[in-house]
Amino acid sequence: MVVGYDDIPFSSCLEVPLTTVRIPKKQMGEKAISVLEKKIDGQKCDSQLKIPVELVIRQSSLSTG
């Protein structure tokens, strides 16, 4: 079983489509900008941010039994 990360378009086109973790890139970018703005203004900000991800299950992680 194989799992990738970032859900690039190629993942679903392989002979055995790759299970992957999809990250919300827009949301991650928005949070990064927010943290940068706070740091520039001298404000404290969280050292860790949680962004929910989505597991996209495809054939590469399915049991062939």
PDB file of N, CA and C in Angstrom:
ATOM      1  N   MET A   1       0.843  -1.183   0.000  1.00  0.00           N
ATOM      2  CA  MET A   1       0.000   0.000   0.000  1.00  0.00           C
ATOM      3  C   MET A   1       0.887   1.244   0.000  1.00  0.00           C
ATOM      4  N   VAL A   2       0.486   2.234  -0.784  1.00  0.00           N
ATOM      5  CA  VAL A   2       1.272   3.461  -0.923  1.00  0.00           C
ATOM      6  C   VAL A   2       0.337   4.659  -0.804  1.00  0.00           C
ATOM      7  N   VAL A   3       0.794   5.678  -0.083  1.00  0.00           N
ATOM      8  CA  VAL A   3       0.027   6.916   0.069  1.00  0.00           C
ATOM      9  C   VAL A   3       0.953   8.087  -0.225  1.00  0.00           C
ATOM     10  N   GLY A   4       0.474   9.036  -1.009  1.00  0.00           N
ATOM     11  CA  GLY A   4       1.245  10.224  -1.325  1.00  0.00           C
ATOM     12  C   GLY A   4       0.723  11.429  -0.554  1.00  0.00           C
ATOM     13  N   TYR A   5       1.294  12.575  -0.844  1.00  0.00           N
ATOM     14  CA  TYR A   5       0.912  13.803  -0.155  1.00  0.00           C
ATOM     15  C   TYR A   5       0.828  14.926  -1.171  1.00  0.00           C
ATOM     16  N   ASP A   6      -0.175  15.738  -1.091  1.00  0.00           N
ATOM     17  CA  ASP A   6      -0.363  16.955  -1.876  1.00  0.00           C
ATOM     18  C   ASP A   6      -1.321  16.796  -3.050  1.00  0.00           C
ATOM     19  N   ASP A   7      -1.788  15.603  -3.346  1.00  0.00           N
ATOM     20  CA  ASP A   7      -2.792  15.340  -4.379  1.00  0.00           C
ATOM     21  C   ASP A   7      -2.547  16.073  -5.683  1.00  0.00           C
ATOM     22  N   ILE A   8      -1.345  15.916  -6.218  1.00  0.00           N
ATOM     23  CA  ILE A   8      -1.078  16.498  -7.535  1.00  0.00           C
ATOM     24  C   ILE A   8      -1.943  15.793  -8.577  1.00  0.00           C
ATOM     25  N   PRO A   9      -2.324  16.455  -9.654  1.00  0.00           N
ATOM     26  CA  PRO A   9      -3.216  15.852 -10.647  1.00  0.00           C
ATOM     27  C   PRO A   9      -2.729  14.498 -11.166  1.00  0.00           C
ATOM     28  N   PHE A  10      -1.437  14.325 -11.266  1.00  0.00           N
ATOM     29  CA  PHE A  10      -0.849  13.080 -11.748  1.00  0.00           C
ATOM     30  C   PHE A  10      -1.249  11.876 -10.884  1.00  0.00           C
ATOM     31  N   SER A  11      -1.545  12.102  -9.598  1.00  0.00           N
ATOM     32  CA  SER A  11      -1.868  11.024  -8.650  1.00  0.00           C
ATOM     33  C   SER A  11      -3.018  10.152  -9.111  1.00  0.00           C
ATOM     34  N   SER A  12      -4.005  10.752  -9.729  1.00  0.00           N
ATOM     35  CA  SER A  12      -5.189   9.991 -10.131  1.00  0.00           C
ATOM     36  C   SER A  12      -5.044   9.381 -11.521  1.00  0.00           C
ATOM     37  N   CYS A  13      -3.961   9.691 -12.231  1.00  0.00           N
ATOM     38  CA  CYS A  13      -3.789   9.223 -13.614  1.00  0.00           C
ATOM     39  C   CYS A  13      -2.859   8.015 -13.742  1.00  0.00           C
ATOM     40  N   LEU A  14      -2.277   7.573 -12.653  1.00  0.00           N
ATOM     41  CA  LEU A  14      -1.342   6.457 -12.698  1.00  0.00           C
ATOM     42  C   LEU A  14      -2.067   5.152 -13.000  1.00  0.00           C
ATOM     43  N   GLU A  15      -1.309   4.124 -13.395  1.00  0.00           N
ATOM     44  CA  GLU A  15      -1.902   2.813 -13.649  1.00  0.00           C
ATOM     45  C   GLU A  15      -2.661   2.333 -12.413  1.00  0.00           C
ATOM     46  N   VAL A  16      -2.059   2.532 -11.242  1.00  0.00           N
ATOM     47  CA  VAL A  16      -2.746   2.295  -9.967  1.00  0.00           C
ATOM     48  C   VAL A  16      -2.870   3.671  -9.315  1.00  0.00           C
ATOM     49  N   PRO A  17      -4.054   4.292  -9.379  1.00  0.00           N
ATOM     50  CA  PRO A  17      -4.228   5.632  -8.816  1.00  0.00           C
ATOM     51  C   PRO A  17      -3.760   5.714  -7.363  1.00  0.00           C
ATOM     52  N   LEU A  18      -3.030   6.767  -7.048  1.00  0.00           N
ATOM     53  CA  LEU A  18      -2.373   6.932  -5.754  1.00  0.00           C
ATOM     54  C   LEU A  18      -3.288   7.572  -4.717  1.00  0.00           C
ATOM     55  N   THR A  19      -3.460   6.874  -3.588  1.00  0.00           N
ATOM     56  CA  THR A  19      -4.139   7.469  -2.439  1.00  0.00           C
ATOM     57  C   THR A  19      -3.273   8.631  -1.977  1.00  0.00           C
ATOM     58  N   THR A  20      -3.893   9.725  -1.567  1.00  0.00           N
ATOM     59  CA  THR A  20      -3.111  10.907  -1.223  1.00  0.00           C
ATOM     60  C   THR A  20      -3.795  11.744  -0.148  1.00  0.00           C
ATOM     61  N   VAL A  21      -3.025  12.621   0.435  1.00  0.00           N
ATOM     62  CA  VAL A  21      -3.555  13.580   1.401  1.00  0.00           C
ATOM     63  C   VAL A  21      -3.668  14.910   0.667  1.00  0.00           C
ATOM     64  N   ARG A  22      -4.863  15.461   0.632  1.00  0.00           N
ATOM     65  CA  ARG A  22      -5.115  16.739  -0.055  1.00  0.00           C
ATOM     66  C   ARG A  22      -5.064  17.856   0.980  1.00  0.00           C
ATOM     67  N   ILE A  23      -4.242  18.867   0.706  1.00  0.00           N
ATOM     68  CA  ILE A  23      -4.144  20.007   1.619  1.00  0.00           C
ATOM     69  C   ILE A  23      -4.810  21.223   0.981  1.00  0.00           C
ATOM     70  N   PRO A  24      -5.494  22.032   1.788  1.00  0.00           N
ATOM     71  CA  PRO A  24      -6.135  23.238   1.242  1.00  0.00           C
ATOM     72  C   PRO A  24      -5.095  24.351   1.071  1.00  0.00           C
ATOM     73  N   LYS A  25      -4.523  24.429  -0.120  1.00  0.00           N
ATOM     74  CA  LYS A  25      -3.413  25.362  -0.362  1.00  0.00           C
ATOM     75  C   LYS A  25      -3.808  26.821  -0.161  1.00  0.00           C
ATOM     76  N   LYS A  26      -5.001  27.175  -0.583  1.00  0.00           N
ATOM     77  CA  LYS A  26      -5.430  28.567  -0.424  1.00  0.00           C
ATOM     78  C   LYS A  26      -5.515  28.931   1.058  1.00  0.00           C
ATOM     79  N   GLN A  27      -6.125  28.048   1.845  1.00  0.00           N
ATOM     80  CA  GLN A  27      -6.257  28.303   3.287  1.00  0.00           C
ATOM     81  C   GLN A  27      -4.877  28.363   3.949  1.00  0.00           C
ATOM     82  N   MET A  28      -3.970  27.499   3.538  1.00  0.00           N
ATOM     83  CA  MET A  28      -2.629  27.499   4.107  1.00  0.00           C
ATOM     84  C   MET A  28      -1.913  28.809   3.774  1.00  0.00           C
ATOM     85  N   GLY A  29      -2.070  29.295   2.541  1.00  0.00           N
ATOM     86  CA  GLY A  29      -1.467  30.559   2.152  1.00  0.00           C
ATOM     87  C   GLY A  29      -2.032  31.738   2.922  1.00  0.00           C
ATOM     88  N   GLU A  30      -3.362  31.728   3.111  1.00  0.00           N
ATOM     89  CA  GLU A  30      -3.999  32.813   3.864  1.00  0.00           C
ATOM     90  C   GLU A  30      -3.499  32.850   5.302  1.00  0.00           C
ATOM     91  N   LYS A  31      -3.360  31.678   5.925  1.00  0.00           N
ATOM     92  CA  LYS A  31      -2.859  31.629   7.306  1.00  0.00           C
ATOM     93  C   LYS A  31      -1.409  32.100   7.370  1.00  0.00           C
ATOM     94  N   ALA A  32      -0.618  31.734   6.368  1.00  0.00           N
ATOM     95  CA  ALA A  32       0.786  32.155   6.337  1.00  0.00           C
ATOM     96  C   ALA A  32       0.892  33.673   6.238  1.00  0.00           C
ATOM     97  N   ILE A  33       0.060  34.284   5.405  1.00  0.00           N
ATOM     98  CA  ILE A  33       0.062  35.742   5.271  1.00  0.00           C
ATOM     99  C   ILE A  33      -0.349  36.395   6.589  1.00  0.00           C
ATOM    100  N   SER A  34      -1.354  35.835   7.237  1.00  0.00           N
ATOM    101  CA  SER A  34      -1.820  36.369   8.517  1.00  0.00           C
ATOM    102  C   SER A  34      -0.706  36.322   9.563  1.00  0.00           C
ATOM    103  N   VAL A  35       0.009  35.202   9.635  1.00  0.00           N
ATOM    104  CA  VAL A  35       1.116  35.069  10.584  1.00  0.00           C
ATOM    105  C   VAL A  35       2.218  36.081  10.256  1.00  0.00           C
ATOM    106  N   LEU A  36       2.543  36.209   8.986  1.00  0.00           N
ATOM    107  CA  LEU A  36       3.580  37.159   8.568  1.00  0.00           C
ATOM    108  C   LEU A  36       3.200  38.589   8.939  1.00  0.00           C
ATOM    109  N   GLU A  37       1.949  38.970   8.693  1.00  0.00           N
ATOM    110  CA  GLU A  37       1.498  40.325   9.044  1.00  0.00           C
ATOM    111  C   GLU A  37       1.603  40.571  10.546  1.00  0.00           C
ATOM    112  N   LYS A  38       1.229  39.571  11.347  1.00  0.00           N
ATOM    113  CA  LYS A  38       1.330  39.712  12.806  1.00  0.00           C
ATOM    114  C   LYS A  38       2.777  39.879  13.233  1.00  0.00           C
ATOM    115  N   LYS A  39       3.669  39.078  12.646  1.00  0.00           N
ATOM    116  CA  LYS A  39       5.084  39.174  13.013  1.00  0.00           C
ATOM    117  C   LYS A  39       5.661  40.527  12.612  1.00  0.00           C
ATOM    118  N   ILE A  40       5.286  41.026  11.450  1.00  0.00           N
ATOM    119  CA  ILE A  40       5.761  42.338  11.004  1.00  0.00           C
ATOM    120  C   ILE A  40       5.293  43.423  11.965  1.00  0.00           C
ATOM    121  N   ASP A  41       4.058  43.283  12.488  1.00  0.00           N
ATOM    122  CA  ASP A  41       3.510  44.255  13.429  1.00  0.00           C
ATOM    123  C   ASP A  41       4.004  44.044  14.857  1.00  0.00           C
ATOM    124  N   GLY A  42       4.853  43.030  15.060  1.00  0.00           N
ATOM    125  CA  GLY A  42       5.401  42.768  16.388  1.00  0.00           C
ATOM    126  C   GLY A  42       4.444  42.049  17.322  1.00  0.00           C
ATOM    127  N   GLN A  43       3.376  41.490  16.789  1.00  0.00           N
ATOM    128  CA  GLN A  43       2.402  40.758  17.599  1.00  0.00           C
ATOM    129  C   GLN A  43       2.845  39.311  17.781  1.00  0.00           C
ATOM    130  N   LYS A  44       2.354  38.716  18.864  1.00  0.00           N
ATOM    131  CA  LYS A  44       2.590  37.292  19.073  1.00  0.00           C
ATOM    132  C   LYS A  44       1.613  36.507  18.203  1.00  0.00           C
ATOM    133  N   CYS A  45       2.060  35.356  17.762  1.00  0.00           N
ATOM    134  CA  CYS A  45       1.170  34.487  17.003  1.00  0.00           C
ATOM    135  C   CYS A  45       1.459  33.038  17.371  1.00  0.00           C
ATOM    136  N   ASP A  46       0.509  32.184  17.077  1.00  0.00           N
ATOM    137  CA  ASP A  46       0.657  30.771  17.395  1.00  0.00           C
ATOM    138  C   ASP A  46       1.890  30.198  16.717  1.00  0.00           C
ATOM    139  N   SER A  47       2.607  29.341  17.451  1.00  0.00           N
ATOM    140  CA  SER A  47       3.769  28.699  16.844  1.00  0.00           C
ATOM    141  C   SER A  47       3.348  27.493  16.007  1.00  0.00           C
ATOM    142  N   GLN A  48       2.133  26.996  16.252  1.00  0.00           N
ATOM    143  CA  GLN A  48       1.601  25.888  15.469  1.00  0.00           C
ATOM    144  C   GLN A  48       0.193  26.228  15.016  1.00  0.00           C
ATOM    145  N   LEU A  49      -0.078  25.957  13.768  1.00  0.00           N
ATOM    146  CA  LEU A  49      -1.413  26.168  13.226  1.00  0.00           C
ATOM    147  C   LEU A  49      -1.931  24.840  12.713  1.00  0.00           C
ATOM    148  N   LYS A  50      -3.197  24.592  12.906  1.00  0.00           N
ATOM    149  CA  LYS A  50      -3.800  23.361  12.414  1.00  0.00           C
ATOM    150  C   LYS A  50      -4.691  23.684  11.230  1.00  0.00           C
ATOM    151  N   ILE A  51      -4.452  22.977  10.157  1.00  0.00           N
ATOM    152  CA  ILE A  51      -5.263  23.130   8.959  1.00  0.00           C
ATOM    153  C   ILE A  51      -5.795  21.746   8.617  1.00  0.00           C
ATOM    154  N   PRO A  52      -7.099  21.579   8.534  1.00  0.00           N
ATOM    155  CA  PRO A  52      -7.639  20.252   8.238  1.00  0.00           C
ATOM    156  C   PRO A  52      -7.257  19.798   6.826  1.00  0.00           C
ATOM    157  N   VAL A  53      -6.959  18.526   6.699  1.00  0.00           N
ATOM    158  CA  VAL A  53      -6.617  17.940   5.405  1.00  0.00           C
ATOM    159  C   VAL A  53      -7.658  16.879   5.061  1.00  0.00           C
ATOM    160  N   GLU A  54      -7.611  16.402   3.835  1.00  0.00           N
ATOM    161  CA  GLU A  54      -8.569  15.396   3.384  1.00  0.00           C
ATOM    162  C   GLU A  54      -7.804  14.192   2.838  1.00  0.00           C
ATOM    163  N   LEU A  55      -8.176  12.999   3.280  1.00  0.00           N
ATOM    164  CA  LEU A  55      -7.594  11.776   2.753  1.00  0.00           C
ATOM    165  C   LEU A  55      -8.408  11.346   1.544  1.00  0.00           C
ATOM    166  N   VAL A  56      -7.749  11.256   0.388  1.00  0.00           N
ATOM    167  CA  VAL A  56      -8.399  10.850  -0.854  1.00  0.00           C
ATOM    168  C   VAL A  56      -7.980   9.401  -1.127  1.00  0.00           C
ATOM    169  N   ILE A  57      -8.881   8.486  -0.883  1.00  0.00           N
ATOM    170  CA  ILE A  57      -8.552   7.063  -1.009  1.00  0.00           C
ATOM    171  C   ILE A  57      -8.727   6.613  -2.453  1.00  0.00           C
ATOM    172  N   ARG A  58      -7.633   6.038  -2.981  1.00  0.00           N
ATOM    173  CA  ARG A  58      -7.635   5.481  -4.338  1.00  0.00           C
ATOM    174  C   ARG A  58      -7.061   4.071  -4.268  1.00  0.00           C
ATOM    175  N   GLN A  59      -6.875   3.451  -5.376  1.00  0.00           N
ATOM    176  CA  GLN A  59      -6.488   2.030  -5.452  1.00  0.00           C
ATOM    177  C   GLN A  59      -5.177   1.694  -4.766  1.00  0.00           C
ATOM    178  N   SER A  60      -4.226   2.596  -4.676  1.00  0.00           N
ATOM    179  CA  SER A  60      -2.907   2.264  -4.135  1.00  0.00           C
ATOM    180  C   SER A  60      -2.939   1.850  -2.663  1.00  0.00           C
ATOM    181  N   SER A  61      -4.034   2.135  -1.970  1.00  0.00           N
ATOM    182  CA  SER A  61      -4.094   1.752  -0.551  1.00  0.00           C
ATOM    183  C   SER A  61      -5.219   0.757  -0.279  1.00  0.00           C
ATOM    184  N   LEU A  62      -5.822   0.241  -1.315  1.00  0.00           N
ATOM    185  CA  LEU A  62      -6.900  -0.732  -1.132  1.00  0.00           C
ATOM    186  C   LEU A  62      -6.331  -2.140  -1.117  1.00  0.00           C
ATOM    187  N   SER A  63      -6.880  -2.957  -0.269  1.00  0.00           N
ATOM    188  CA  SER A  63      -6.464  -4.362  -0.177  1.00  0.00           C
ATOM    189  C   SER A  63      -6.927  -5.105  -1.418  1.00  0.00           C
ATOM    190  N   THR A  64      -6.041  -5.896  -1.990  1.00  0.00           N
ATOM    191  CA  THR A  64      -6.415  -6.681  -3.167  1.00  0.00           C
ATOM    192  C   THR A  64      -6.774  -8.110  -2.775  1.00  0.00           C
ATOM    193  N   GLY A  65      -6.598  -8.431  -1.481  1.00  0.00           N
ATOM    194  CA  GLY A  65      -7.027  -9.641  -0.830  1.00  0.00           C
ATOM    195  C   GLY A  65      -6.907 -10.884  -1.524  1.00  0.00           C
TER     196      GLY A  65
END
